[in-house]
């Protein structure tokens, strides 16, 4: 009898002593270390302030999307190679979530060729690829600043390249940013051979769900 009581107590201790932790995502990008007594703090960089015109010729800034989880890409409308594939995969990702989740999501497409991509061109691109008008903005602005933003903060390559089709080269990856402006994931979904990395796509959808749960728990 005593053995049974001990066994039950041991099992109970194991059961209640093992907390099930919510999965979390890492913080990515450049960081500083703040040295202080009692321990050091790692401070990651946030997406900086920016100003663009969207497809409706409205000025938007980082504050426009404050508190939202972003899924971002860098593209250009005349891209003959990976951009159409990226648009389809990002749209596929958009439709992977119900309307309730969309309340907390924001999809952003930054043009790396603003001299060509006027707001009217962005609207036309949205029509061609049937991109939703809710929670999805296509942005055009300063070219050099956009390239810097992609490389230094969103952790994807974006820039001019005379040897590439369309005169620009950019990553086929998407970037996940949390509601505080920190990068939490980068997903190379579209390969340069025009194929789709299904494993990376699945990881992106899964980690958006994880970040959304974190977002809800932080309220």
N, C-alpha and C. Protein backbone atom coordinates (compact mmCIF):
# COMPACT_ATOMS: atom_id res chain seq x y z
N UNK A 1 0.83 -1.19 0.00
CA UNK A 1 0.00 0.00 0.00
C UNK A 1 0.87 1.26 0.00
N UNK A 2 1.92 1.22 0.87
CA UNK A 2 2.83 2.36 0.94
C UNK A 2 3.53 2.56 -0.39
N UNK A 3 3.92 1.43 -1.04
CA UNK A 3 4.58 1.52 -2.34
C UNK A 3 3.67 2.19 -3.37
N UNK A 4 2.37 1.83 -3.34
CA UNK A 4 1.42 2.41 -4.29
C UNK A 4 1.28 3.91 -4.08
N UNK A 5 1.23 4.33 -2.79
CA UNK A 5 1.10 5.76 -2.48
C UNK A 5 2.33 6.52 -2.98
N UNK A 6 3.51 5.92 -2.75
CA UNK A 6 4.75 6.55 -3.21
C UNK A 6 4.77 6.66 -4.72
N UNK A 7 4.32 5.59 -5.39
CA UNK A 7 4.30 5.59 -6.86
C UNK A 7 3.36 6.65 -7.40
N UNK A 8 2.17 6.75 -6.81
CA UNK A 8 1.20 7.75 -7.24
C UNK A 8 1.75 9.15 -7.01
N UNK A 9 2.39 9.34 -5.85
CA UNK A 9 2.96 10.65 -5.53
C UNK A 9 4.05 11.02 -6.52
N UNK A 10 4.87 10.01 -6.90
CA UNK A 10 5.97 10.25 -7.83
C UNK A 10 5.44 10.62 -9.21
N UNK A 11 4.40 9.90 -9.65
CA UNK A 11 3.78 10.19 -10.95
C UNK A 11 3.16 11.58 -10.95
N UNK A 12 2.49 11.93 -9.85
CA UNK A 12 1.87 13.24 -9.74
C UNK A 12 2.92 14.34 -9.80
N UNK A 13 4.05 14.09 -9.13
CA UNK A 13 5.13 15.08 -9.13
C UNK A 13 5.68 15.27 -10.54
N UNK A 14 5.81 14.17 -11.26
CA UNK A 14 6.28 14.26 -12.63
C UNK A 14 5.30 15.03 -13.50
N UNK A 15 4.02 14.74 -13.33
CA UNK A 15 2.98 15.34 -14.17
C UNK A 15 2.87 16.84 -13.92
N UNK A 16 2.78 17.20 -12.65
CA UNK A 16 2.57 18.61 -12.33
C UNK A 16 3.86 19.40 -12.36
N UNK A 17 4.99 18.71 -12.25
CA UNK A 17 6.27 19.41 -12.25
C UNK A 17 6.77 19.74 -13.64
N UNK A 18 6.20 19.12 -14.67
CA UNK A 18 6.64 19.36 -16.04
C UNK A 18 5.71 20.38 -16.69
N UNK A 19 6.14 21.60 -16.76
CA UNK A 19 5.34 22.63 -17.39
C UNK A 19 5.48 22.51 -18.91
N UNK A 20 4.36 22.63 -19.59
CA UNK A 20 4.38 22.61 -21.05
C UNK A 20 4.58 24.05 -21.53
N UNK A 21 5.78 24.32 -22.05
CA UNK A 21 6.09 25.68 -22.47
C UNK A 21 5.59 25.92 -23.89
N UNK A 22 5.06 27.12 -24.10
CA UNK A 22 4.65 27.51 -25.44
C UNK A 22 5.91 27.65 -26.31
N UNK A 23 5.87 27.16 -27.54
CA UNK A 23 7.03 27.35 -28.42
C UNK A 23 7.23 28.83 -28.72
N UNK A 24 8.46 29.25 -28.89
CA UNK A 24 8.74 30.65 -29.17
C UNK A 24 9.75 30.74 -30.31
N UNK A 25 9.81 31.89 -30.94
CA UNK A 25 10.72 32.11 -32.07
C UNK A 25 11.91 32.95 -31.62
N UNK A 26 13.04 32.76 -32.25
CA UNK A 26 14.21 33.57 -31.90
C UNK A 26 14.08 35.00 -32.44
N UNK A 27 14.91 35.87 -31.93
CA UNK A 27 15.06 37.22 -32.49
C UNK A 27 16.25 37.17 -33.44
N UNK A 28 16.11 37.78 -34.61
CA UNK A 28 17.15 37.72 -35.62
C UNK A 28 17.71 39.11 -35.92
N UNK A 29 18.88 39.11 -36.53
CA UNK A 29 19.47 40.37 -36.96
C UNK A 29 20.58 40.86 -36.06
N UNK A 30 21.03 42.08 -36.31
CA UNK A 30 22.11 42.69 -35.55
C UNK A 30 21.65 42.99 -34.12
N UNK A 31 22.59 42.98 -33.22
CA UNK A 31 22.23 43.24 -31.82
C UNK A 31 23.39 43.87 -31.07
N UNK A 32 23.07 44.50 -29.96
CA UNK A 32 24.06 45.03 -29.03
C UNK A 32 23.90 44.29 -27.71
N UNK A 33 24.99 44.25 -26.95
CA UNK A 33 24.95 43.65 -25.62
C UNK A 33 25.12 44.75 -24.59
N UNK A 34 24.15 44.86 -23.70
CA UNK A 34 24.19 45.85 -22.64
C UNK A 34 24.71 45.15 -21.38
N UNK A 35 25.90 45.58 -20.95
CA UNK A 35 26.53 44.95 -19.79
C UNK A 35 26.07 45.65 -18.52
N UNK A 36 25.62 44.86 -17.57
CA UNK A 36 25.16 45.42 -16.30
C UNK A 36 25.36 44.39 -15.19
N UNK A 37 25.37 44.87 -13.97
CA UNK A 37 25.51 43.98 -12.83
C UNK A 37 24.31 43.04 -12.76
N UNK A 38 24.58 41.78 -12.47
CA UNK A 38 23.49 40.81 -12.36
C UNK A 38 23.16 40.12 -13.66
N UNK A 39 23.81 40.51 -14.75
CA UNK A 39 23.53 39.85 -16.03
C UNK A 39 23.53 40.83 -17.18
N UNK A 40 23.74 40.32 -18.36
CA UNK A 40 23.79 41.15 -19.56
C UNK A 40 22.48 41.04 -20.34
N UNK A 41 22.13 42.10 -21.04
CA UNK A 41 20.94 42.11 -21.88
C UNK A 41 21.35 42.17 -23.35
N UNK A 42 20.71 41.37 -24.18
CA UNK A 42 20.91 41.42 -25.62
C UNK A 42 19.80 42.25 -26.23
N UNK A 43 20.17 43.31 -26.93
CA UNK A 43 19.19 44.23 -27.50
C UNK A 43 19.25 44.12 -29.02
N UNK A 44 18.20 43.58 -29.60
CA UNK A 44 18.13 43.41 -31.05
C UNK A 44 17.60 44.67 -31.71
N UNK A 45 18.02 44.90 -32.95
CA UNK A 45 17.55 46.07 -33.68
C UNK A 45 16.11 45.87 -34.15
N UNK A 46 15.38 46.97 -34.21
CA UNK A 46 14.02 46.97 -34.73
C UNK A 46 14.02 47.51 -36.16
N UNK A 47 12.96 47.21 -36.88
CA UNK A 47 12.77 47.84 -38.18
C UNK A 47 12.66 49.35 -37.95
N UNK A 48 13.46 50.17 -38.64
CA UNK A 48 13.42 51.61 -38.40
C UNK A 48 12.21 52.28 -39.03
N UNK A 49 12.04 53.54 -38.71
CA UNK A 49 10.95 54.32 -39.32
C UNK A 49 11.14 54.38 -40.83
N UNK A 50 10.04 54.42 -41.56
CA UNK A 50 10.10 54.58 -43.01
C UNK A 50 8.86 55.32 -43.48
N UNK A 51 8.91 55.77 -44.71
CA UNK A 51 7.77 56.47 -45.30
C UNK A 51 7.67 56.08 -46.77
N UNK A 52 6.49 55.59 -47.18
CA UNK A 52 6.25 55.15 -48.55
C UNK A 52 4.87 55.60 -49.01
N UNK A 53 4.66 55.51 -50.31
CA UNK A 53 3.31 55.60 -50.86
C UNK A 53 2.82 54.19 -51.10
N UNK A 54 1.55 53.92 -50.77
CA UNK A 54 1.00 52.61 -51.09
C UNK A 54 0.30 52.64 -52.43
N UNK A 55 -0.34 51.57 -52.78
CA UNK A 55 -0.99 51.44 -54.09
C UNK A 55 -2.12 52.44 -54.29
N UNK A 56 -2.61 53.04 -53.22
CA UNK A 56 -3.68 54.04 -53.30
C UNK A 56 -3.16 55.46 -53.18
N UNK A 57 -1.84 55.62 -53.32
CA UNK A 57 -1.17 56.91 -53.23
C UNK A 57 -1.27 57.55 -51.85
N UNK A 58 -1.45 56.73 -50.84
CA UNK A 58 -1.50 57.21 -49.46
C UNK A 58 -0.13 57.02 -48.81
N UNK A 59 0.30 58.02 -48.04
CA UNK A 59 1.56 57.90 -47.33
C UNK A 59 1.39 56.99 -46.11
N UNK A 60 2.28 56.01 -46.01
CA UNK A 60 2.25 55.10 -44.87
C UNK A 60 3.64 55.10 -44.22
N UNK A 61 3.68 54.86 -42.94
CA UNK A 61 4.93 54.79 -42.19
C UNK A 61 4.93 53.52 -41.35
N UNK A 62 5.99 53.32 -40.62
CA UNK A 62 6.03 52.16 -39.74
C UNK A 62 4.89 52.21 -38.74
N UNK A 63 4.52 53.42 -38.28
CA UNK A 63 3.45 53.56 -37.30
C UNK A 63 2.10 53.14 -37.86
N UNK A 64 1.95 53.21 -39.18
CA UNK A 64 0.69 52.79 -39.81
C UNK A 64 0.38 51.33 -39.46
N UNK A 65 1.43 50.54 -39.34
CA UNK A 65 1.27 49.10 -39.11
C UNK A 65 1.67 48.69 -37.69
N UNK A 66 1.77 49.66 -36.83
CA UNK A 66 2.21 49.38 -35.46
C UNK A 66 1.28 48.39 -34.76
N UNK A 67 1.89 47.43 -34.07
CA UNK A 67 1.10 46.44 -33.34
C UNK A 67 0.67 45.25 -34.17
N UNK A 68 0.95 45.28 -35.47
CA UNK A 68 0.60 44.17 -36.36
C UNK A 68 1.81 43.25 -36.56
N UNK A 69 1.53 42.00 -36.87
CA UNK A 69 2.57 41.07 -37.30
C UNK A 69 2.72 41.24 -38.82
N UNK A 70 3.94 41.48 -39.28
CA UNK A 70 4.15 41.68 -40.70
C UNK A 70 4.72 40.44 -41.37
N UNK A 71 4.28 40.21 -42.59
CA UNK A 71 4.92 39.25 -43.49
C UNK A 71 5.32 40.07 -44.71
N UNK A 72 6.62 40.22 -44.93
CA UNK A 72 7.09 41.16 -45.94
C UNK A 72 7.89 40.49 -47.05
N UNK A 73 7.82 41.11 -48.24
CA UNK A 73 8.63 40.69 -49.38
C UNK A 73 9.20 41.92 -50.06
N UNK A 74 10.27 41.73 -50.85
CA UNK A 74 10.84 42.77 -51.69
C UNK A 74 10.75 42.28 -53.13
N UNK A 75 10.20 43.12 -54.02
CA UNK A 75 9.86 42.67 -55.37
C UNK A 75 9.89 43.86 -56.31
N UNK A 76 9.59 43.65 -57.60
CA UNK A 76 9.30 44.75 -58.51
C UNK A 76 8.34 44.23 -59.58
N UNK A 77 7.45 45.09 -60.04
CA UNK A 77 6.32 44.64 -60.86
C UNK A 77 6.73 44.10 -62.22
N UNK A 78 7.86 44.57 -62.76
CA UNK A 78 8.29 44.10 -64.08
C UNK A 78 9.20 42.89 -64.00
N UNK A 79 9.38 42.34 -62.82
CA UNK A 79 10.24 41.17 -62.62
C UNK A 79 9.71 39.99 -63.45
N UNK A 80 10.54 39.42 -64.33
CA UNK A 80 10.08 38.33 -65.18
C UNK A 80 10.35 36.94 -64.62
N UNK A 81 10.95 36.87 -63.44
CA UNK A 81 11.40 35.57 -62.94
C UNK A 81 10.67 35.17 -61.65
N UNK A 82 11.27 35.46 -60.49
CA UNK A 82 10.74 34.90 -59.25
C UNK A 82 9.58 35.68 -58.63
N UNK A 83 9.41 36.96 -59.01
CA UNK A 83 8.36 37.76 -58.37
C UNK A 83 6.94 37.19 -58.55
N UNK A 84 6.57 36.77 -59.76
CA UNK A 84 5.23 36.17 -59.90
C UNK A 84 5.04 34.94 -59.01
N UNK A 85 6.09 34.15 -58.85
CA UNK A 85 6.00 32.97 -57.98
C UNK A 85 5.87 33.41 -56.52
N UNK A 86 6.64 34.42 -56.15
CA UNK A 86 6.56 34.94 -54.78
C UNK A 86 5.16 35.46 -54.48
N UNK A 87 4.57 36.18 -55.43
CA UNK A 87 3.23 36.72 -55.23
C UNK A 87 2.23 35.60 -54.96
N UNK A 88 2.35 34.53 -55.73
CA UNK A 88 1.42 33.40 -55.56
C UNK A 88 1.63 32.70 -54.23
N UNK A 89 2.88 32.59 -53.79
CA UNK A 89 3.16 31.91 -52.52
C UNK A 89 2.74 32.77 -51.33
N UNK A 90 2.92 34.08 -51.45
CA UNK A 90 2.49 34.96 -50.36
C UNK A 90 0.97 35.00 -50.28
N UNK A 91 0.31 34.95 -51.43
CA UNK A 91 -1.15 34.88 -51.44
C UNK A 91 -1.62 33.56 -50.84
N UNK A 92 -0.93 32.51 -51.15
CA UNK A 92 -1.23 31.19 -50.56
C UNK A 92 -1.08 31.24 -49.04
N UNK A 93 -0.06 31.92 -48.58
CA UNK A 93 0.14 32.09 -47.14
C UNK A 93 -0.99 32.90 -46.53
N UNK A 94 -1.40 33.96 -47.20
CA UNK A 94 -2.51 34.81 -46.74
C UNK A 94 -3.77 33.97 -46.52
N UNK A 95 -4.06 33.10 -47.47
CA UNK A 95 -5.28 32.31 -47.39
C UNK A 95 -5.17 31.12 -46.42
N UNK A 96 -3.98 30.93 -45.85
CA UNK A 96 -3.81 29.85 -44.87
C UNK A 96 -4.37 30.22 -43.51
N UNK A 97 -4.80 31.49 -43.36
CA UNK A 97 -5.28 31.96 -42.06
C UNK A 97 -6.71 32.48 -42.14
N UNK A 98 -7.48 32.25 -41.08
CA UNK A 98 -8.87 32.70 -41.05
C UNK A 98 -8.96 34.21 -40.82
N UNK A 99 -10.13 34.81 -41.10
CA UNK A 99 -10.30 36.25 -40.92
C UNK A 99 -9.93 36.76 -39.52
N UNK A 100 -10.18 35.95 -38.50
CA UNK A 100 -9.87 36.38 -37.13
C UNK A 100 -8.38 36.63 -36.96
N UNK A 101 -7.55 35.79 -37.57
CA UNK A 101 -6.10 35.97 -37.48
C UNK A 101 -5.66 37.16 -38.32
N UNK A 102 -6.34 37.40 -39.45
CA UNK A 102 -5.98 38.51 -40.32
C UNK A 102 -6.10 39.86 -39.62
N UNK A 103 -6.88 39.93 -38.57
CA UNK A 103 -7.00 41.17 -37.82
C UNK A 103 -5.65 41.61 -37.24
N UNK A 104 -4.76 40.64 -37.03
CA UNK A 104 -3.46 40.93 -36.43
C UNK A 104 -2.30 40.83 -37.42
N UNK A 105 -2.60 40.53 -38.69
CA UNK A 105 -1.55 40.36 -39.70
C UNK A 105 -1.53 41.52 -40.67
N UNK A 106 -0.35 41.80 -41.21
CA UNK A 106 -0.19 42.79 -42.26
C UNK A 106 0.82 42.27 -43.27
N UNK A 107 0.41 42.16 -44.53
CA UNK A 107 1.31 41.73 -45.59
C UNK A 107 1.83 42.98 -46.30
N UNK A 108 3.15 43.03 -46.53
CA UNK A 108 3.79 44.20 -47.13
C UNK A 108 4.68 43.78 -48.29
N UNK A 109 4.51 44.45 -49.43
CA UNK A 109 5.34 44.20 -50.61
C UNK A 109 6.07 45.50 -50.94
N UNK A 110 7.38 45.52 -50.72
CA UNK A 110 8.21 46.69 -50.97
C UNK A 110 8.80 46.63 -52.38
N UNK A 111 8.51 47.63 -53.21
CA UNK A 111 9.09 47.66 -54.55
C UNK A 111 10.54 48.14 -54.48
N UNK A 112 11.43 47.41 -55.16
CA UNK A 112 12.84 47.82 -55.22
C UNK A 112 13.13 48.60 -56.50
N UNK A 113 12.08 48.86 -57.30
CA UNK A 113 12.21 49.62 -58.55
C UNK A 113 11.17 50.75 -58.56
N UNK A 114 11.28 51.70 -57.64
CA UNK A 114 10.24 52.73 -57.51
C UNK A 114 10.13 53.68 -58.71
N UNK A 115 11.20 53.83 -59.50
CA UNK A 115 11.11 54.71 -60.66
C UNK A 115 10.11 54.17 -61.67
N UNK A 116 9.91 52.88 -61.67
CA UNK A 116 8.92 52.26 -62.56
C UNK A 116 7.61 51.94 -61.85
N UNK A 117 7.70 51.62 -60.57
CA UNK A 117 6.53 51.14 -59.82
C UNK A 117 5.80 52.29 -59.12
N UNK A 118 5.01 53.00 -59.91
CA UNK A 118 4.15 54.05 -59.37
C UNK A 118 2.97 53.39 -58.65
N UNK A 119 2.23 54.15 -57.85
CA UNK A 119 1.04 53.56 -57.21
C UNK A 119 0.07 52.92 -58.21
N UNK A 120 -0.08 53.51 -59.39
CA UNK A 120 -0.99 52.92 -60.38
C UNK A 120 -0.46 51.57 -60.88
N UNK A 121 0.87 51.45 -61.00
CA UNK A 121 1.47 50.17 -61.40
C UNK A 121 1.25 49.13 -60.31
N UNK A 122 1.36 49.57 -59.07
CA UNK A 122 1.14 48.65 -57.96
C UNK A 122 -0.31 48.17 -57.92
N UNK A 123 -1.24 49.07 -58.19
CA UNK A 123 -2.67 48.67 -58.23
C UNK A 123 -2.90 47.64 -59.33
N UNK A 124 -2.28 47.87 -60.48
CA UNK A 124 -2.43 46.94 -61.60
C UNK A 124 -1.85 45.58 -61.24
N UNK A 125 -0.71 45.58 -60.59
CA UNK A 125 -0.07 44.34 -60.16
C UNK A 125 -0.98 43.59 -59.19
N UNK A 126 -1.59 44.32 -58.28
CA UNK A 126 -2.50 43.69 -57.33
C UNK A 126 -3.68 43.04 -58.04
N UNK A 127 -4.19 43.70 -59.07
CA UNK A 127 -5.31 43.15 -59.84
C UNK A 127 -4.89 41.89 -60.59
N UNK A 128 -3.71 41.92 -61.19
CA UNK A 128 -3.24 40.78 -61.99
C UNK A 128 -3.12 39.52 -61.14
N UNK A 129 -2.60 39.69 -59.94
CA UNK A 129 -2.35 38.52 -59.08
C UNK A 129 -3.44 38.33 -58.02
N UNK A 130 -4.52 39.08 -58.14
CA UNK A 130 -5.68 38.93 -57.25
C UNK A 130 -5.30 39.05 -55.78
N UNK A 131 -4.44 40.01 -55.50
CA UNK A 131 -4.02 40.23 -54.12
C UNK A 131 -5.13 40.97 -53.37
N UNK A 132 -5.44 40.57 -52.17
CA UNK A 132 -6.53 41.19 -51.42
C UNK A 132 -6.21 42.63 -51.04
N UNK A 133 -7.24 43.43 -50.92
CA UNK A 133 -7.05 44.84 -50.53
C UNK A 133 -6.95 44.99 -49.01
N UNK A 134 -7.47 44.02 -48.27
CA UNK A 134 -7.43 44.10 -46.82
C UNK A 134 -6.11 43.55 -46.30
N UNK A 135 -5.44 44.34 -45.47
CA UNK A 135 -4.22 43.91 -44.79
C UNK A 135 -3.08 43.55 -45.73
N UNK A 136 -3.06 44.16 -46.92
CA UNK A 136 -1.95 43.92 -47.84
C UNK A 136 -1.67 45.22 -48.59
N UNK A 137 -0.50 45.80 -48.34
CA UNK A 137 -0.10 47.03 -49.02
C UNK A 137 1.13 46.78 -49.88
N UNK A 138 1.13 47.40 -51.05
CA UNK A 138 2.29 47.41 -51.94
C UNK A 138 2.87 48.81 -51.87
N UNK A 139 4.19 48.90 -51.62
CA UNK A 139 4.80 50.18 -51.26
C UNK A 139 5.88 50.60 -52.25
N UNK A 140 5.94 51.90 -52.52
CA UNK A 140 6.97 52.46 -53.38
C UNK A 140 7.53 53.71 -52.74
N UNK A 141 8.87 53.88 -52.86
CA UNK A 141 9.51 55.03 -52.23
C UNK A 141 10.96 55.14 -52.66
N UNK A 142 11.77 55.72 -51.81
CA UNK A 142 13.18 55.94 -52.12
C UNK A 142 13.90 54.62 -52.39
N UNK A 143 14.53 54.52 -53.56
CA UNK A 143 15.13 53.25 -53.97
C UNK A 143 16.30 52.83 -53.09
N UNK A 144 17.23 53.75 -52.86
CA UNK A 144 18.41 53.41 -52.06
C UNK A 144 18.00 53.02 -50.64
N UNK A 145 17.04 53.74 -50.09
CA UNK A 145 16.58 53.44 -48.73
C UNK A 145 15.89 52.08 -48.68
N UNK A 146 15.14 51.75 -49.72
CA UNK A 146 14.46 50.46 -49.77
C UNK A 146 15.47 49.31 -49.83
N UNK A 147 16.49 49.46 -50.65
CA UNK A 147 17.53 48.44 -50.74
C UNK A 147 18.23 48.26 -49.39
N UNK A 148 18.53 49.39 -48.74
CA UNK A 148 19.18 49.34 -47.43
C UNK A 148 18.27 48.68 -46.39
N UNK A 149 17.00 49.02 -46.46
CA UNK A 149 16.03 48.46 -45.52
C UNK A 149 15.97 46.94 -45.66
N UNK A 150 15.95 46.46 -46.90
CA UNK A 150 15.89 45.02 -47.13
C UNK A 150 17.12 44.30 -46.62
N UNK A 151 18.30 44.83 -46.94
CA UNK A 151 19.55 44.16 -46.59
C UNK A 151 19.86 44.28 -45.11
N UNK A 152 19.78 45.49 -44.58
CA UNK A 152 20.24 45.74 -43.21
C UNK A 152 19.22 45.37 -42.13
N UNK A 153 17.94 45.34 -42.48
CA UNK A 153 16.93 45.13 -41.44
C UNK A 153 16.02 43.92 -41.70
N UNK A 154 15.53 43.76 -42.92
CA UNK A 154 14.65 42.63 -43.20
C UNK A 154 15.43 41.36 -43.54
N UNK A 155 16.76 41.51 -43.66
CA UNK A 155 17.64 40.35 -43.84
C UNK A 155 17.42 39.61 -45.15
N UNK A 156 17.08 40.37 -46.20
CA UNK A 156 16.96 39.80 -47.55
C UNK A 156 17.72 40.70 -48.52
N UNK A 157 18.29 40.12 -49.56
CA UNK A 157 19.02 40.94 -50.52
C UNK A 157 18.06 41.63 -51.48
N UNK A 158 18.36 42.90 -51.78
CA UNK A 158 17.57 43.66 -52.76
C UNK A 158 18.47 44.75 -53.33
N UNK A 159 18.65 44.75 -54.65
CA UNK A 159 19.50 45.78 -55.24
C UNK A 159 19.58 45.68 -56.76
N UNK A 160 20.24 46.65 -57.36
CA UNK A 160 20.42 46.66 -58.80
C UNK A 160 21.43 45.60 -59.21
N UNK A 161 21.19 45.02 -60.39
CA UNK A 161 22.11 44.02 -60.92
C UNK A 161 21.92 43.98 -62.43
N UNK A 162 22.86 44.57 -63.16
CA UNK A 162 22.74 44.68 -64.61
C UNK A 162 22.70 43.32 -65.30
N UNK A 163 23.20 42.29 -64.64
CA UNK A 163 23.24 40.96 -65.24
C UNK A 163 21.96 40.16 -65.01
N UNK A 164 21.09 40.67 -64.15
CA UNK A 164 19.85 39.95 -63.83
C UNK A 164 18.71 40.41 -64.72
N UNK A 165 17.76 39.53 -64.97
CA UNK A 165 16.59 39.87 -65.77
C UNK A 165 15.82 40.99 -65.08
N UNK A 166 15.55 42.06 -65.82
CA UNK A 166 14.83 43.19 -65.25
C UNK A 166 15.73 44.22 -64.60
N UNK A 167 17.04 43.91 -64.50
CA UNK A 167 17.98 44.89 -63.96
C UNK A 167 18.10 44.93 -62.46
N UNK A 168 17.40 44.04 -61.78
CA UNK A 168 17.47 43.99 -60.32
C UNK A 168 17.60 42.54 -59.87
N UNK A 169 18.22 42.37 -58.71
CA UNK A 169 18.30 41.04 -58.10
C UNK A 169 17.79 41.15 -56.67
N UNK A 170 17.07 40.14 -56.25
CA UNK A 170 16.57 40.15 -54.87
C UNK A 170 16.32 38.73 -54.40
N UNK A 171 16.22 38.60 -53.10
CA UNK A 171 15.97 37.30 -52.47
C UNK A 171 14.55 36.84 -52.75
N UNK A 172 14.38 35.53 -52.77
CA UNK A 172 13.04 34.96 -52.88
C UNK A 172 12.45 34.63 -51.53
N UNK A 173 12.97 35.28 -50.48
CA UNK A 173 12.55 34.98 -49.11
C UNK A 173 11.52 35.98 -48.61
N UNK A 174 10.77 35.55 -47.61
CA UNK A 174 9.82 36.40 -46.91
C UNK A 174 10.33 36.61 -45.48
N UNK A 175 10.01 37.77 -44.91
CA UNK A 175 10.47 38.11 -43.56
C UNK A 175 9.28 38.27 -42.63
N UNK A 176 9.39 37.69 -41.45
CA UNK A 176 8.35 37.77 -40.43
C UNK A 176 8.80 38.74 -39.34
N UNK A 177 7.97 39.75 -39.06
CA UNK A 177 8.28 40.78 -38.08
C UNK A 177 7.18 40.82 -37.04
N UNK A 178 7.56 40.88 -35.76
CA UNK A 178 6.53 40.88 -34.71
C UNK A 178 5.94 42.27 -34.49
N UNK A 179 4.97 42.35 -33.60
CA UNK A 179 4.25 43.60 -33.36
C UNK A 179 5.09 44.70 -32.76
N UNK A 180 6.29 44.37 -32.29
CA UNK A 180 7.20 45.37 -31.72
C UNK A 180 8.26 45.82 -32.73
N UNK A 181 8.25 45.21 -33.92
CA UNK A 181 9.20 45.61 -34.95
C UNK A 181 10.46 44.79 -35.02
N UNK A 182 10.49 43.62 -34.35
CA UNK A 182 11.65 42.75 -34.36
C UNK A 182 11.47 41.65 -35.41
N UNK A 183 12.55 41.35 -36.14
CA UNK A 183 12.52 40.24 -37.10
C UNK A 183 12.57 38.92 -36.34
N UNK A 184 11.62 38.03 -36.65
CA UNK A 184 11.54 36.75 -35.95
C UNK A 184 11.68 35.54 -36.87
N UNK A 185 11.72 35.78 -38.18
CA UNK A 185 11.88 34.66 -39.09
C UNK A 185 12.15 35.12 -40.51
N UNK A 186 12.96 34.36 -41.25
CA UNK A 186 13.21 34.60 -42.67
C UNK A 186 13.06 33.27 -43.39
N UNK A 187 12.28 33.26 -44.48
CA UNK A 187 11.89 32.00 -45.12
C UNK A 187 12.18 32.02 -46.63
N UNK A 188 13.22 31.36 -47.09
CA UNK A 188 13.54 31.30 -48.52
C UNK A 188 12.61 30.34 -49.26
N UNK A 189 11.40 30.77 -49.47
CA UNK A 189 10.36 29.92 -50.05
C UNK A 189 10.56 29.73 -51.56
N UNK A 190 10.95 30.80 -52.24
CA UNK A 190 11.10 30.74 -53.70
C UNK A 190 12.56 30.60 -54.07
N UNK A 191 12.88 29.53 -54.76
CA UNK A 191 14.26 29.28 -55.17
C UNK A 191 14.58 29.98 -56.48
N UNK A 192 15.87 30.18 -56.75
CA UNK A 192 16.27 30.88 -57.97
C UNK A 192 16.02 30.05 -59.23
N UNK A 193 15.79 28.76 -59.06
CA UNK A 193 15.45 27.94 -60.23
C UNK A 193 13.94 27.91 -60.46
N UNK A 194 13.22 28.81 -59.79
CA UNK A 194 11.76 29.00 -59.92
C UNK A 194 10.95 27.92 -59.21
N UNK A 195 11.59 27.06 -58.47
CA UNK A 195 10.85 26.05 -57.71
C UNK A 195 10.45 26.62 -56.35
N UNK A 196 9.55 25.93 -55.69
CA UNK A 196 9.06 26.36 -54.38
C UNK A 196 9.56 25.39 -53.32
N UNK A 197 10.13 25.94 -52.28
CA UNK A 197 10.60 25.13 -51.15
C UNK A 197 9.42 24.91 -50.20
N UNK A 198 8.77 23.77 -50.36
CA UNK A 198 7.56 23.50 -49.58
C UNK A 198 7.85 23.38 -48.08
N UNK A 199 9.03 22.92 -47.75
CA UNK A 199 9.41 22.80 -46.34
C UNK A 199 9.50 24.19 -45.70
N UNK A 200 10.06 25.14 -46.43
CA UNK A 200 10.16 26.50 -45.91
C UNK A 200 8.79 27.18 -45.85
N UNK A 201 7.94 26.87 -46.83
CA UNK A 201 6.59 27.43 -46.81
C UNK A 201 5.84 26.93 -45.58
N UNK A 202 5.93 25.63 -45.32
CA UNK A 202 5.25 25.06 -44.15
C UNK A 202 5.81 25.64 -42.85
N UNK A 203 7.12 25.86 -42.81
CA UNK A 203 7.74 26.44 -41.61
C UNK A 203 7.24 27.87 -41.40
N UNK A 204 7.09 28.61 -42.49
CA UNK A 204 6.60 29.98 -42.38
C UNK A 204 5.20 30.03 -41.80
N UNK A 205 4.30 29.21 -42.32
CA UNK A 205 2.93 29.18 -41.82
C UNK A 205 2.89 28.77 -40.35
N UNK A 206 3.67 27.75 -40.02
CA UNK A 206 3.73 27.28 -38.63
C UNK A 206 4.22 28.37 -37.69
N UNK A 207 5.26 29.09 -38.11
CA UNK A 207 5.85 30.09 -37.21
C UNK A 207 5.02 31.36 -37.14
N UNK A 208 4.25 31.65 -38.17
CA UNK A 208 3.29 32.76 -38.06
C UNK A 208 2.25 32.43 -36.99
N UNK A 209 1.82 31.18 -36.94
CA UNK A 209 0.87 30.76 -35.92
C UNK A 209 1.47 30.88 -34.52
N UNK A 210 2.74 30.47 -34.39
CA UNK A 210 3.42 30.57 -33.09
C UNK A 210 3.52 32.04 -32.66
N UNK A 211 3.91 32.90 -33.60
CA UNK A 211 4.06 34.32 -33.27
C UNK A 211 2.71 34.95 -32.97
N UNK A 212 1.67 34.49 -33.64
CA UNK A 212 0.34 35.04 -33.37
C UNK A 212 -0.13 34.65 -31.97
N UNK A 213 0.16 33.44 -31.55
CA UNK A 213 -0.17 33.02 -30.18
C UNK A 213 0.59 33.88 -29.16
N UNK A 214 1.86 34.14 -29.46
CA UNK A 214 2.65 35.00 -28.58
C UNK A 214 2.05 36.41 -28.53
N UNK A 215 1.60 36.88 -29.68
CA UNK A 215 0.97 38.19 -29.80
C UNK A 215 -0.30 38.27 -28.95
N UNK A 216 -1.12 37.23 -29.00
CA UNK A 216 -2.35 37.21 -28.22
C UNK A 216 -2.05 37.16 -26.72
N UNK A 217 -1.04 36.38 -26.34
CA UNK A 217 -0.70 36.23 -24.92
C UNK A 217 -0.07 37.49 -24.33
N UNK A 218 0.44 38.37 -25.20
CA UNK A 218 1.09 39.59 -24.71
C UNK A 218 0.11 40.73 -24.48
N UNK A 219 -1.14 40.50 -24.84
CA UNK A 219 -2.14 41.58 -24.68
C UNK A 219 -2.53 41.75 -23.22
